N, C-alpha and C. Protein backbone atom coordinates (compact mmCIF):
# COMPACT_ATOMS: atom_id res chain seq x y z
N MET A 1 -59.12 142.69 -134.31
CA MET A 1 -58.55 141.37 -134.51
C MET A 1 -59.01 140.86 -135.87
N PRO A 2 -58.10 140.43 -136.73
CA PRO A 2 -58.49 139.98 -138.05
C PRO A 2 -59.32 138.72 -137.95
N LYS A 3 -60.22 138.66 -138.88
CA LYS A 3 -61.08 137.48 -138.91
C LYS A 3 -60.43 136.38 -139.73
N LYS A 4 -61.07 135.24 -139.74
CA LYS A 4 -60.53 134.05 -140.40
C LYS A 4 -60.42 134.24 -141.89
N PHE A 5 -61.36 135.00 -142.49
CA PHE A 5 -61.41 135.13 -143.94
C PHE A 5 -60.82 136.42 -144.44
N ASP A 6 -59.94 137.05 -143.63
CA ASP A 6 -59.33 138.31 -144.07
C ASP A 6 -58.37 138.10 -145.22
N THR A 7 -57.78 136.89 -145.36
CA THR A 7 -56.81 136.62 -146.43
C THR A 7 -57.45 135.93 -147.61
N ASN A 8 -58.72 136.04 -147.76
CA ASN A 8 -59.42 135.42 -148.86
C ASN A 8 -58.97 136.05 -150.17
N PRO A 9 -58.47 135.29 -151.15
CA PRO A 9 -58.02 135.88 -152.42
C PRO A 9 -59.13 136.61 -153.17
N LEU A 10 -60.37 136.31 -152.85
CA LEU A 10 -61.47 136.98 -153.54
C LEU A 10 -61.71 138.39 -153.00
N ASP A 11 -61.05 138.72 -151.91
CA ASP A 11 -61.20 140.04 -151.33
C ASP A 11 -60.55 141.07 -152.26
N PRO A 12 -61.24 142.12 -152.64
CA PRO A 12 -60.63 143.12 -153.56
C PRO A 12 -59.39 143.75 -152.98
N GLU A 13 -59.26 143.83 -151.68
CA GLU A 13 -58.08 144.46 -151.08
C GLU A 13 -56.94 143.47 -150.83
N TYR A 14 -57.11 142.22 -151.21
CA TYR A 14 -56.09 141.20 -150.94
C TYR A 14 -54.75 141.50 -151.61
N PRO A 15 -54.71 141.90 -152.91
CA PRO A 15 -53.40 142.19 -153.52
C PRO A 15 -52.65 143.30 -152.82
N GLU A 16 -53.36 144.36 -152.39
CA GLU A 16 -52.70 145.46 -151.70
C GLU A 16 -52.13 145.01 -150.36
N LYS A 17 -52.86 144.16 -149.67
CA LYS A 17 -52.37 143.66 -148.38
C LYS A 17 -51.11 142.82 -148.57
N VAL A 18 -51.08 141.99 -149.61
CA VAL A 18 -49.91 141.14 -149.87
C VAL A 18 -48.71 141.99 -150.24
N ARG A 19 -48.95 143.04 -151.09
CA ARG A 19 -47.86 143.92 -151.49
C ARG A 19 -47.30 144.67 -150.31
N ALA A 20 -48.17 145.12 -149.43
CA ALA A 20 -47.70 145.84 -148.25
C ALA A 20 -46.92 144.93 -147.33
N ALA A 21 -47.36 143.68 -147.20
CA ALA A 21 -46.65 142.73 -146.34
C ALA A 21 -45.28 142.41 -146.90
N VAL A 22 -45.17 142.31 -148.21
CA VAL A 22 -43.87 142.01 -148.84
C VAL A 22 -42.92 143.18 -148.67
N GLN A 23 -43.44 144.41 -148.82
CA GLN A 23 -42.57 145.57 -148.68
C GLN A 23 -42.05 145.73 -147.27
N ASP A 24 -42.84 145.32 -146.27
CA ASP A 24 -42.43 145.45 -144.88
C ASP A 24 -41.46 144.35 -144.44
N ALA A 25 -41.27 143.28 -145.25
CA ALA A 25 -40.37 142.17 -144.86
C ALA A 25 -38.93 142.65 -144.88
N PRO A 26 -38.08 142.27 -143.87
CA PRO A 26 -36.70 142.78 -143.80
C PRO A 26 -35.81 142.23 -144.89
N ASP A 27 -36.02 141.02 -145.35
CA ASP A 27 -35.14 140.42 -146.35
C ASP A 27 -35.79 140.30 -147.69
N VAL A 28 -36.77 141.14 -147.96
CA VAL A 28 -37.48 141.03 -149.21
C VAL A 28 -36.62 141.42 -150.39
N GLU A 29 -35.57 142.27 -150.15
CA GLU A 29 -34.74 142.71 -151.26
C GLU A 29 -34.07 141.53 -151.96
N ALA A 30 -33.83 140.49 -151.19
CA ALA A 30 -33.15 139.35 -151.79
C ALA A 30 -34.05 138.60 -152.75
N TYR A 31 -35.35 138.82 -152.64
CA TYR A 31 -36.28 138.06 -153.47
C TYR A 31 -37.09 138.97 -154.38
N ARG A 32 -36.70 140.25 -154.53
CA ARG A 32 -37.49 141.19 -155.32
C ARG A 32 -36.89 141.33 -156.70
N ALA A 33 -37.72 141.16 -157.71
CA ALA A 33 -37.28 141.33 -159.09
C ALA A 33 -37.15 142.80 -159.40
N PRO A 34 -36.51 143.16 -160.53
CA PRO A 34 -36.35 144.59 -160.87
C PRO A 34 -37.67 145.34 -160.97
N ASP A 35 -38.73 144.67 -161.38
CA ASP A 35 -40.01 145.35 -161.51
C ASP A 35 -40.77 145.44 -160.20
N GLY A 36 -40.16 144.96 -159.11
CA GLY A 36 -40.81 145.04 -157.82
C GLY A 36 -41.66 143.83 -157.47
N ALA A 37 -41.82 142.89 -158.41
CA ALA A 37 -42.62 141.70 -158.12
C ALA A 37 -41.79 140.68 -157.35
N TYR A 38 -42.46 139.85 -156.63
CA TYR A 38 -41.78 138.83 -155.82
C TYR A 38 -41.29 137.70 -156.72
N SER A 39 -40.10 137.23 -156.47
CA SER A 39 -39.54 136.07 -157.20
C SER A 39 -38.84 135.17 -156.19
N PRO A 40 -38.93 133.88 -156.35
CA PRO A 40 -38.30 132.94 -155.40
C PRO A 40 -36.78 133.04 -155.46
N PRO A 41 -36.11 132.70 -154.39
CA PRO A 41 -34.63 132.76 -154.39
C PRO A 41 -34.04 131.72 -155.33
N ARG A 42 -32.91 132.07 -155.90
CA ARG A 42 -32.23 131.14 -156.79
C ARG A 42 -31.29 130.22 -156.00
N SER A 43 -31.22 128.99 -156.47
CA SER A 43 -30.33 128.02 -155.82
C SER A 43 -28.89 128.26 -156.26
N PRO A 44 -27.95 128.15 -155.34
CA PRO A 44 -26.54 128.32 -155.75
C PRO A 44 -26.02 127.18 -156.60
N TYR A 45 -26.79 126.10 -156.70
CA TYR A 45 -26.36 124.92 -157.45
C TYR A 45 -26.98 124.95 -158.84
N SER A 46 -26.27 124.43 -159.79
CA SER A 46 -26.76 124.37 -161.15
C SER A 46 -26.63 122.95 -161.67
N THR A 47 -27.47 122.60 -162.61
CA THR A 47 -27.45 121.26 -163.19
C THR A 47 -26.41 121.20 -164.30
N ALA A 48 -25.54 120.19 -164.22
CA ALA A 48 -24.51 120.04 -165.25
C ALA A 48 -25.15 119.67 -166.57
N GLU A 49 -24.62 120.24 -167.63
CA GLU A 49 -25.15 119.98 -168.96
C GLU A 49 -24.26 118.97 -169.67
N PHE A 50 -24.89 118.10 -170.47
CA PHE A 50 -24.13 117.14 -171.26
C PHE A 50 -23.50 117.85 -172.44
N PRO A 51 -22.34 117.41 -172.85
CA PRO A 51 -21.72 118.04 -174.03
C PRO A 51 -22.57 117.81 -175.27
N THR A 52 -22.63 118.81 -176.07
CA THR A 52 -23.44 118.71 -177.29
C THR A 52 -22.83 117.76 -178.30
N ARG A 53 -21.53 117.53 -178.26
CA ARG A 53 -20.86 116.61 -179.18
C ARG A 53 -19.68 115.98 -178.47
N PRO A 54 -19.31 114.77 -178.83
CA PRO A 54 -18.19 114.10 -178.14
C PRO A 54 -16.89 114.83 -178.40
N PRO A 55 -15.98 114.76 -177.43
CA PRO A 55 -14.68 115.42 -177.63
C PRO A 55 -13.95 114.82 -178.81
N SER A 56 -13.21 115.62 -179.44
CA SER A 56 -12.48 115.16 -180.62
C SER A 56 -11.40 114.18 -180.21
N VAL A 57 -11.19 113.15 -181.01
CA VAL A 57 -10.18 112.13 -180.76
C VAL A 57 -8.88 112.59 -181.39
N THR A 58 -7.83 112.58 -180.58
CA THR A 58 -6.54 113.04 -181.08
C THR A 58 -5.87 111.96 -181.89
N GLU A 59 -4.89 112.34 -182.65
CA GLU A 59 -4.19 111.40 -183.51
C GLU A 59 -3.37 110.41 -182.68
N GLU A 60 -2.84 110.86 -181.50
CA GLU A 60 -2.02 109.97 -180.68
C GLU A 60 -2.82 108.79 -180.15
N GLU A 61 -4.12 109.00 -179.87
CA GLU A 61 -4.93 107.93 -179.30
C GLU A 61 -5.24 106.84 -180.31
N THR A 62 -5.18 107.15 -181.59
CA THR A 62 -5.49 106.16 -182.62
C THR A 62 -4.27 105.77 -183.43
N GLN A 63 -3.11 106.03 -182.89
CA GLN A 63 -1.89 105.71 -183.62
C GLN A 63 -1.73 104.20 -183.73
N ARG A 64 -1.43 103.72 -184.90
CA ARG A 64 -1.26 102.30 -185.14
C ARG A 64 0.21 101.92 -185.09
N PHE A 65 0.44 100.57 -184.92
CA PHE A 65 1.81 100.09 -184.92
C PHE A 65 2.42 100.28 -186.31
N THR A 66 3.68 100.64 -186.30
CA THR A 66 4.40 100.66 -187.56
C THR A 66 4.76 99.24 -187.95
N GLU A 67 5.22 99.05 -189.15
CA GLU A 67 5.57 97.70 -189.61
C GLU A 67 6.70 97.10 -188.78
N ALA A 68 7.66 97.93 -188.39
CA ALA A 68 8.77 97.43 -187.57
C ALA A 68 8.28 97.00 -186.19
N GLN A 69 7.37 97.80 -185.60
CA GLN A 69 6.83 97.43 -184.29
C GLN A 69 6.00 96.17 -184.37
N PHE A 70 5.26 96.01 -185.45
CA PHE A 70 4.44 94.81 -185.61
C PHE A 70 5.30 93.57 -185.80
N ASN A 71 6.37 93.68 -186.57
CA ASN A 71 7.25 92.54 -186.82
C ASN A 71 8.01 92.12 -185.57
N ALA A 72 8.12 93.03 -184.59
CA ALA A 72 8.82 92.67 -183.35
C ALA A 72 8.09 91.59 -182.60
N TYR A 73 6.77 91.47 -182.81
CA TYR A 73 5.99 90.44 -182.13
C TYR A 73 5.75 89.21 -183.01
N ALA A 74 6.28 89.21 -184.21
CA ALA A 74 6.06 88.09 -185.11
C ALA A 74 7.00 86.94 -184.76
N PHE A 75 6.62 85.72 -185.17
CA PHE A 75 7.42 84.54 -184.91
C PHE A 75 8.67 84.59 -185.78
N GLN A 76 9.85 84.48 -185.16
CA GLN A 76 11.12 84.65 -185.86
C GLN A 76 11.82 83.33 -186.15
N GLY A 77 11.11 82.23 -186.13
CA GLY A 77 11.73 80.95 -186.39
C GLY A 77 12.08 80.22 -185.12
N GLY A 78 12.83 79.14 -185.24
CA GLY A 78 13.16 78.32 -184.09
C GLY A 78 12.13 77.23 -183.88
N GLN A 79 12.06 76.74 -182.67
CA GLN A 79 11.14 75.66 -182.37
C GLN A 79 9.70 76.17 -182.38
N ALA A 80 8.89 75.53 -183.14
CA ALA A 80 7.49 75.94 -183.25
C ALA A 80 6.76 75.65 -181.95
N PRO A 81 5.79 76.47 -181.63
CA PRO A 81 5.03 76.20 -180.40
C PRO A 81 4.29 74.88 -180.47
N ILE A 82 4.10 74.28 -179.30
CA ILE A 82 3.43 72.98 -179.24
C ILE A 82 1.95 73.17 -179.50
N VAL A 83 1.44 72.37 -180.40
CA VAL A 83 0.02 72.44 -180.73
C VAL A 83 -0.72 71.38 -179.93
N TYR A 84 -1.75 71.83 -179.22
CA TYR A 84 -2.52 70.90 -178.38
C TYR A 84 -3.31 69.95 -179.26
N GLN A 85 -3.20 68.69 -178.98
CA GLN A 85 -3.95 67.67 -179.69
C GLN A 85 -4.89 66.98 -178.73
N GLN A 86 -6.13 66.99 -179.07
CA GLN A 86 -7.13 66.37 -178.20
C GLN A 86 -7.00 64.86 -178.25
N SER A 87 -6.92 64.24 -177.07
CA SER A 87 -6.78 62.79 -177.00
C SER A 87 -8.09 62.12 -177.36
N LYS A 88 -7.97 60.97 -177.90
CA LYS A 88 -9.16 60.21 -178.27
C LYS A 88 -9.84 59.67 -177.03
N PHE A 89 -11.14 59.51 -177.13
CA PHE A 89 -11.91 59.04 -175.98
C PHE A 89 -11.50 57.61 -175.60
N ALA A 90 -11.14 56.81 -176.60
CA ALA A 90 -10.75 55.43 -176.30
C ALA A 90 -9.47 55.37 -175.50
N ASP A 91 -8.58 56.35 -175.70
CA ASP A 91 -7.31 56.34 -174.97
C ASP A 91 -7.49 56.67 -173.50
N MET A 92 -8.61 57.29 -173.14
CA MET A 92 -8.82 57.67 -171.75
C MET A 92 -9.04 56.46 -170.86
N ASN A 93 -9.51 55.36 -171.43
CA ASN A 93 -9.80 54.16 -170.65
C ASN A 93 -8.64 53.18 -170.61
N ARG A 94 -7.52 53.55 -171.22
CA ARG A 94 -6.37 52.66 -171.21
C ARG A 94 -5.48 52.97 -170.02
N ALA A 95 -4.97 51.91 -169.43
CA ALA A 95 -4.09 52.11 -168.27
C ALA A 95 -2.77 52.70 -168.72
N GLY A 96 -2.14 53.44 -167.82
CA GLY A 96 -0.86 54.05 -168.14
C GLY A 96 0.21 53.00 -168.37
N ILE A 97 1.02 53.22 -169.40
CA ILE A 97 2.08 52.27 -169.70
C ILE A 97 3.42 52.74 -169.12
N ARG A 98 3.40 53.87 -168.44
CA ARG A 98 4.64 54.35 -167.84
C ARG A 98 5.08 53.42 -166.73
N LYS A 99 6.35 53.42 -166.46
CA LYS A 99 6.89 52.56 -165.42
C LYS A 99 6.92 53.31 -164.10
N GLU A 100 6.55 52.60 -163.06
CA GLU A 100 6.56 53.18 -161.73
C GLU A 100 8.01 53.38 -161.30
N SER A 101 8.29 54.55 -160.70
CA SER A 101 9.67 54.95 -160.43
C SER A 101 10.38 54.03 -159.45
N LYS A 102 9.66 53.47 -158.49
CA LYS A 102 10.30 52.67 -157.44
C LYS A 102 10.62 51.26 -157.90
N THR A 103 9.66 50.62 -158.57
CA THR A 103 9.83 49.22 -158.96
C THR A 103 10.26 49.04 -160.40
N GLY A 104 10.01 50.04 -161.26
CA GLY A 104 10.34 49.91 -162.67
C GLY A 104 9.35 49.05 -163.43
N ILE A 105 8.23 48.70 -162.81
CA ILE A 105 7.21 47.87 -163.46
C ILE A 105 6.15 48.80 -164.06
N PRO A 106 5.62 48.46 -165.25
CA PRO A 106 4.57 49.30 -165.83
C PRO A 106 3.38 49.45 -164.88
N GLU A 107 2.82 50.64 -164.86
CA GLU A 107 1.75 50.96 -163.93
C GLU A 107 0.54 50.06 -164.10
N LYS A 108 0.21 49.69 -165.33
CA LYS A 108 -1.00 48.90 -165.56
C LYS A 108 -0.92 47.52 -164.92
N TRP A 109 0.29 46.99 -164.79
CA TRP A 109 0.43 45.69 -164.12
C TRP A 109 0.28 45.84 -162.61
N LEU A 110 0.78 46.91 -162.07
CA LEU A 110 0.72 47.10 -160.63
C LEU A 110 -0.71 47.33 -160.14
N ILE A 111 -1.53 48.05 -160.91
CA ILE A 111 -2.89 48.33 -160.45
C ILE A 111 -3.82 47.14 -160.65
N GLY A 112 -3.46 46.19 -161.49
CA GLY A 112 -4.29 45.00 -161.67
C GLY A 112 -3.87 43.84 -160.79
N LEU A 113 -2.63 43.87 -160.32
CA LEU A 113 -2.09 42.75 -159.53
C LEU A 113 -2.84 42.51 -158.22
N PRO A 114 -3.25 43.52 -157.46
CA PRO A 114 -3.91 43.27 -156.17
C PRO A 114 -5.28 42.61 -156.29
N TYR A 115 -5.87 42.56 -157.48
CA TYR A 115 -7.20 41.95 -157.63
C TYR A 115 -7.14 40.49 -158.07
N ILE A 116 -5.98 39.94 -158.24
CA ILE A 116 -5.87 38.53 -158.63
C ILE A 116 -6.44 37.67 -157.49
N PRO A 117 -7.26 36.69 -157.81
CA PRO A 117 -7.91 35.89 -156.76
C PRO A 117 -6.91 35.12 -155.89
N PHE A 118 -7.49 34.61 -154.80
CA PHE A 118 -6.76 33.81 -153.82
C PHE A 118 -5.69 34.65 -153.13
N SER A 119 -4.66 34.01 -152.63
CA SER A 119 -3.67 34.71 -151.80
C SER A 119 -2.72 35.57 -152.62
N ILE A 120 -2.72 35.41 -153.94
CA ILE A 120 -1.77 36.17 -154.76
C ILE A 120 -2.05 37.67 -154.66
N GLY A 121 -3.30 38.05 -154.85
CA GLY A 121 -3.65 39.46 -154.78
C GLY A 121 -3.50 40.03 -153.39
N LEU A 122 -3.80 39.23 -152.36
CA LEU A 122 -3.67 39.69 -150.98
C LEU A 122 -2.22 40.04 -150.66
N VAL A 123 -1.30 39.14 -151.01
CA VAL A 123 0.13 39.39 -150.75
C VAL A 123 0.63 40.54 -151.61
N ALA A 124 0.17 40.62 -152.88
CA ALA A 124 0.62 41.67 -153.78
C ALA A 124 0.18 43.05 -153.28
N GLY A 125 -1.07 43.15 -152.81
CA GLY A 125 -1.54 44.43 -152.29
C GLY A 125 -0.75 44.88 -151.08
N LEU A 126 -0.44 43.96 -150.17
CA LEU A 126 0.33 44.31 -148.98
C LEU A 126 1.75 44.73 -149.33
N VAL A 127 2.38 44.01 -150.26
CA VAL A 127 3.75 44.35 -150.66
C VAL A 127 3.80 45.71 -151.34
N LEU A 128 2.82 46.00 -152.18
CA LEU A 128 2.81 47.28 -152.88
C LEU A 128 2.65 48.44 -151.90
N LEU A 129 1.81 48.29 -150.90
CA LEU A 129 1.66 49.35 -149.90
C LEU A 129 2.94 49.57 -149.11
N LEU A 130 3.75 48.54 -148.95
CA LEU A 130 5.01 48.66 -148.21
C LEU A 130 6.15 49.19 -149.07
N VAL A 131 5.96 49.18 -150.41
CA VAL A 131 7.05 49.55 -151.31
C VAL A 131 6.75 50.87 -152.05
N ILE A 132 5.54 50.99 -152.55
CA ILE A 132 5.21 52.14 -153.40
C ILE A 132 5.14 53.41 -152.57
N PRO A 133 5.78 54.50 -153.01
CA PRO A 133 5.75 55.76 -152.24
C PRO A 133 4.37 56.42 -152.28
N LYS A 134 4.18 57.34 -151.37
CA LYS A 134 2.89 58.02 -151.23
C LYS A 134 2.52 58.83 -152.48
N GLU A 135 3.51 59.25 -153.26
CA GLU A 135 3.21 60.07 -154.43
C GLU A 135 2.47 59.29 -155.51
N GLU A 136 2.61 57.98 -155.51
CA GLU A 136 1.92 57.15 -156.50
C GLU A 136 0.51 56.85 -156.01
N ASN A 137 -0.37 57.85 -156.09
CA ASN A 137 -1.71 57.72 -155.53
C ASN A 137 -2.52 56.61 -156.20
N LYS A 138 -2.42 56.52 -157.51
CA LYS A 138 -3.24 55.56 -158.25
C LYS A 138 -2.87 54.12 -157.89
N VAL A 139 -1.59 53.83 -157.88
CA VAL A 139 -1.14 52.47 -157.57
C VAL A 139 -1.47 52.11 -156.13
N ARG A 140 -1.24 53.03 -155.21
CA ARG A 140 -1.50 52.76 -153.80
C ARG A 140 -3.00 52.57 -153.54
N PHE A 141 -3.84 53.32 -154.25
CA PHE A 141 -5.28 53.14 -154.06
C PHE A 141 -5.72 51.74 -154.46
N HIS A 142 -5.29 51.29 -155.62
CA HIS A 142 -5.70 49.95 -156.06
C HIS A 142 -5.08 48.87 -155.17
N ALA A 143 -3.87 49.11 -154.69
CA ALA A 143 -3.26 48.14 -153.78
C ALA A 143 -4.07 48.03 -152.49
N ALA A 144 -4.48 49.18 -151.93
CA ALA A 144 -5.27 49.18 -150.70
C ALA A 144 -6.66 48.60 -150.93
N GLN A 145 -7.28 48.93 -152.07
CA GLN A 145 -8.63 48.42 -152.33
C GLN A 145 -8.62 46.93 -152.60
N GLY A 146 -7.62 46.45 -153.34
CA GLY A 146 -7.51 45.02 -153.57
C GLY A 146 -7.26 44.26 -152.28
N LEU A 147 -6.39 44.80 -151.43
CA LEU A 147 -6.11 44.16 -150.14
C LEU A 147 -7.36 44.16 -149.27
N ALA A 148 -8.10 45.26 -149.26
CA ALA A 148 -9.33 45.33 -148.47
C ALA A 148 -10.36 44.33 -148.96
N ALA A 149 -10.46 44.16 -150.27
CA ALA A 149 -11.42 43.18 -150.82
C ALA A 149 -11.04 41.77 -150.39
N HIS A 150 -9.76 41.44 -150.44
CA HIS A 150 -9.31 40.09 -150.03
C HIS A 150 -9.55 39.87 -148.54
N VAL A 151 -9.31 40.90 -147.73
CA VAL A 151 -9.54 40.77 -146.28
C VAL A 151 -11.02 40.54 -146.01
N ALA A 152 -11.89 41.28 -146.69
CA ALA A 152 -13.33 41.11 -146.49
C ALA A 152 -13.78 39.72 -146.92
N ILE A 153 -13.27 39.25 -148.05
CA ILE A 153 -13.63 37.90 -148.52
C ILE A 153 -13.14 36.85 -147.53
N LEU A 154 -11.93 37.04 -147.01
CA LEU A 154 -11.38 36.08 -146.05
C LEU A 154 -12.21 36.03 -144.78
N ILE A 155 -12.70 37.20 -144.31
CA ILE A 155 -13.51 37.23 -143.09
C ILE A 155 -14.83 36.50 -143.30
N VAL A 156 -15.50 36.78 -144.43
CA VAL A 156 -16.79 36.12 -144.71
C VAL A 156 -16.60 34.62 -144.90
N THR A 157 -15.56 34.22 -145.59
CA THR A 157 -15.29 32.79 -145.81
C THR A 157 -15.03 32.07 -144.49
N THR A 158 -14.29 32.73 -143.59
CA THR A 158 -14.02 32.12 -142.28
C THR A 158 -15.29 31.95 -141.48
N ILE A 159 -16.16 32.96 -141.49
CA ILE A 159 -17.43 32.85 -140.76
C ILE A 159 -18.30 31.72 -141.31
N LEU A 160 -18.38 31.65 -142.65
CA LEU A 160 -19.17 30.56 -143.26
C LEU A 160 -18.57 29.20 -142.97
N GLY A 161 -17.24 29.13 -142.88
CA GLY A 161 -16.61 27.85 -142.55
C GLY A 161 -16.93 27.41 -141.14
N ILE A 162 -16.98 28.36 -140.20
CA ILE A 162 -17.33 28.01 -138.81
C ILE A 162 -18.78 27.54 -138.73
N ILE A 163 -19.65 28.26 -139.43
CA ILE A 163 -21.06 27.85 -139.42
C ILE A 163 -21.24 26.52 -140.14
N GLY A 164 -20.38 26.22 -141.09
CA GLY A 164 -20.49 24.97 -141.84
C GLY A 164 -20.26 23.74 -140.97
N ASN A 165 -19.61 23.90 -139.83
CA ASN A 165 -19.44 22.77 -138.92
C ASN A 165 -20.75 22.35 -138.27
N VAL A 166 -21.74 23.25 -138.34
CA VAL A 166 -23.04 22.99 -137.72
C VAL A 166 -24.06 22.54 -138.75
N THR A 167 -24.06 23.14 -139.91
CA THR A 167 -25.06 22.84 -140.93
C THR A 167 -24.39 22.78 -142.30
N ASP A 168 -24.95 21.91 -143.13
CA ASP A 168 -24.39 21.75 -144.48
C ASP A 168 -24.78 22.91 -145.40
N ILE A 169 -25.82 23.65 -145.04
CA ILE A 169 -26.23 24.79 -145.88
C ILE A 169 -25.12 25.84 -145.92
N ALA A 170 -24.44 26.05 -144.79
CA ALA A 170 -23.35 27.02 -144.74
C ALA A 170 -22.20 26.59 -145.64
N ASN A 171 -21.95 25.29 -145.73
CA ASN A 171 -20.88 24.81 -146.62
C ASN A 171 -21.22 25.12 -148.08
N ALA A 172 -22.48 24.91 -148.44
CA ALA A 172 -22.91 25.21 -149.82
C ALA A 172 -22.81 26.71 -150.09
N GLY A 173 -23.23 27.52 -149.10
CA GLY A 173 -23.14 28.97 -149.26
C GLY A 173 -21.70 29.43 -149.37
N SER A 174 -20.80 28.80 -148.64
CA SER A 174 -19.40 29.17 -148.71
C SER A 174 -18.82 28.87 -150.08
N GLY A 175 -19.23 27.72 -150.67
CA GLY A 175 -18.75 27.37 -152.01
C GLY A 175 -19.24 28.37 -153.06
N ILE A 176 -20.53 28.72 -152.98
CA ILE A 176 -21.08 29.69 -153.93
C ILE A 176 -20.41 31.06 -153.76
N PHE A 177 -20.19 31.46 -152.52
CA PHE A 177 -19.56 32.75 -152.25
C PHE A 177 -18.14 32.78 -152.82
N THR A 178 -17.41 31.68 -152.70
CA THR A 178 -16.04 31.63 -153.23
C THR A 178 -16.02 31.75 -154.74
N VAL A 179 -16.96 31.06 -155.41
CA VAL A 179 -17.02 31.12 -156.88
C VAL A 179 -17.37 32.55 -157.34
N VAL A 180 -18.36 33.16 -156.70
CA VAL A 180 -18.80 34.50 -157.11
C VAL A 180 -17.69 35.53 -156.89
N THR A 181 -17.06 35.50 -155.74
CA THR A 181 -16.02 36.48 -155.45
C THR A 181 -14.79 36.28 -156.34
N THR A 182 -14.50 35.02 -156.70
CA THR A 182 -13.37 34.76 -157.60
C THR A 182 -13.63 35.38 -158.98
N ILE A 183 -14.85 35.21 -159.47
CA ILE A 183 -15.20 35.80 -160.77
C ILE A 183 -15.14 37.33 -160.70
N MET A 184 -15.64 37.88 -159.61
CA MET A 184 -15.62 39.34 -159.46
C MET A 184 -14.19 39.87 -159.41
N LEU A 185 -13.30 39.19 -158.70
CA LEU A 185 -11.91 39.64 -158.62
C LEU A 185 -11.24 39.59 -159.99
N ILE A 186 -11.55 38.57 -160.77
CA ILE A 186 -10.98 38.48 -162.12
C ILE A 186 -11.46 39.67 -162.97
N ILE A 187 -12.75 39.98 -162.86
CA ILE A 187 -13.29 41.12 -163.61
C ILE A 187 -12.63 42.42 -163.17
N PHE A 188 -12.46 42.59 -161.86
CA PHE A 188 -11.80 43.79 -161.35
C PHE A 188 -10.36 43.89 -161.85
N ALA A 189 -9.66 42.77 -161.90
CA ALA A 189 -8.27 42.77 -162.35
C ALA A 189 -8.19 43.18 -163.83
N ILE A 190 -9.11 42.67 -164.64
CA ILE A 190 -9.11 43.02 -166.07
C ILE A 190 -9.44 44.50 -166.26
N LYS A 191 -10.45 44.99 -165.52
CA LYS A 191 -10.84 46.40 -165.65
C LYS A 191 -9.69 47.32 -165.21
N ALA A 192 -9.03 46.97 -164.12
CA ALA A 192 -7.92 47.80 -163.65
C ALA A 192 -6.76 47.77 -164.65
N TRP A 193 -6.51 46.62 -165.24
CA TRP A 193 -5.41 46.49 -166.20
C TRP A 193 -5.68 47.31 -167.46
N THR A 194 -6.95 47.40 -167.88
CA THR A 194 -7.30 48.17 -169.07
C THR A 194 -7.54 49.65 -168.77
N GLY A 195 -7.43 50.04 -167.51
CA GLY A 195 -7.56 51.44 -167.16
C GLY A 195 -8.96 51.89 -166.82
N LYS A 196 -9.91 50.99 -166.76
CA LYS A 196 -11.28 51.37 -166.42
C LYS A 196 -11.42 51.51 -164.90
N PRO A 197 -12.28 52.40 -164.44
CA PRO A 197 -12.40 52.63 -163.00
C PRO A 197 -12.92 51.41 -162.26
N VAL A 198 -12.33 51.15 -161.12
CA VAL A 198 -12.75 50.05 -160.24
C VAL A 198 -13.00 50.65 -158.86
N HIS A 199 -14.23 50.56 -158.40
CA HIS A 199 -14.59 51.11 -157.10
C HIS A 199 -15.46 50.12 -156.36
N ILE A 200 -14.94 49.61 -155.25
CA ILE A 200 -15.68 48.67 -154.41
C ILE A 200 -16.16 49.47 -153.20
N GLN A 201 -17.40 49.93 -153.27
CA GLN A 201 -17.91 50.83 -152.24
C GLN A 201 -18.01 50.16 -150.87
N ALA A 202 -18.23 48.86 -150.85
CA ALA A 202 -18.42 48.16 -149.58
C ALA A 202 -17.18 48.18 -148.71
N VAL A 203 -16.00 48.39 -149.32
CA VAL A 203 -14.76 48.36 -148.53
C VAL A 203 -14.07 49.73 -148.55
N ASP A 204 -14.83 50.80 -148.74
CA ASP A 204 -14.23 52.13 -148.80
C ASP A 204 -13.50 52.49 -147.51
N ASP A 205 -14.15 52.27 -146.39
CA ASP A 205 -13.53 52.63 -145.11
C ASP A 205 -12.26 51.83 -144.85
N LEU A 206 -12.31 50.54 -145.14
CA LEU A 206 -11.12 49.70 -144.93
C LEU A 206 -10.01 50.08 -145.90
N THR A 207 -10.39 50.43 -147.13
CA THR A 207 -9.39 50.86 -148.12
C THR A 207 -8.65 52.11 -147.65
N ASN A 208 -9.40 53.10 -147.19
CA ASN A 208 -8.77 54.34 -146.72
C ASN A 208 -7.89 54.09 -145.50
N TRP A 209 -8.34 53.22 -144.61
CA TRP A 209 -7.57 52.92 -143.41
C TRP A 209 -6.26 52.22 -143.76
N LEU A 210 -6.32 51.24 -144.65
CA LEU A 210 -5.11 50.51 -145.04
C LEU A 210 -4.11 51.41 -145.76
N GLU A 211 -4.64 52.27 -146.64
CA GLU A 211 -3.74 53.15 -147.40
C GLU A 211 -3.05 54.16 -146.48
N GLU A 212 -3.75 54.56 -145.43
CA GLU A 212 -3.19 55.56 -144.50
C GLU A 212 -2.23 54.91 -143.51
N LYS A 213 -2.58 53.74 -143.01
CA LYS A 213 -1.79 53.13 -141.94
C LYS A 213 -0.57 52.37 -142.47
N ILE A 214 -0.65 51.80 -143.65
CA ILE A 214 0.47 51.02 -144.20
C ILE A 214 1.24 51.92 -145.15
N GLY A 215 2.34 52.44 -144.69
CA GLY A 215 3.16 53.31 -145.51
C GLY A 215 4.38 52.60 -146.04
N PRO A 216 5.07 53.22 -147.00
CA PRO A 216 6.27 52.60 -147.58
C PRO A 216 7.39 52.49 -146.56
N ILE A 217 8.11 51.43 -146.66
CA ILE A 217 9.25 51.22 -145.75
C ILE A 217 10.41 52.10 -146.19
N LYS A 218 10.94 52.87 -145.26
CA LYS A 218 12.06 53.74 -145.58
C LYS A 218 13.36 52.95 -145.54
N GLY A 219 14.12 53.10 -146.60
CA GLY A 219 15.36 52.37 -146.62
C GLY A 219 16.32 52.90 -147.66
């Protein structure tokens, strides 16, 4: 029985034992070099080599347009293309002067009309919602927002008037509230007429509800 150290490479008989074992292997021919020494099997796969120089570029790939082909894309006269002109920043804050299709009134007047104080703006906002079509988003928004502002002011004024029957402080508060809201409505009307944004956040929900529920009368 062979001992543990029989395959020690330091054994003088080790090379002969290895050679004899290789010769006795059934498939050793596949791994034997011409000189009889052992060589590992070769892989059937090979590593692709990069080309030593880039492929030559043919004349067809770099062919340029002839003068006739180039002139085919040139401008041949007629109406010149429209050149984009950047609008001035000051013009962005001006209200549109175009006329609204349904009423024929300039847009800037329609968007400022619902903010006029007292009952004028309230009636104007309601009429515009009943007349202006849904496509006129800008006009309808200001009509609904102006109407919502007037409704909110009317509700607060009514409450203060009821409380004023009990105490004189409520009457004074109602007077101050009327003056302040009148000034605010005038400012809103001027801003809307000049095209500046007007947003009354306190009446957003009422504005959206009025614009959705009050549609143009079909006729």
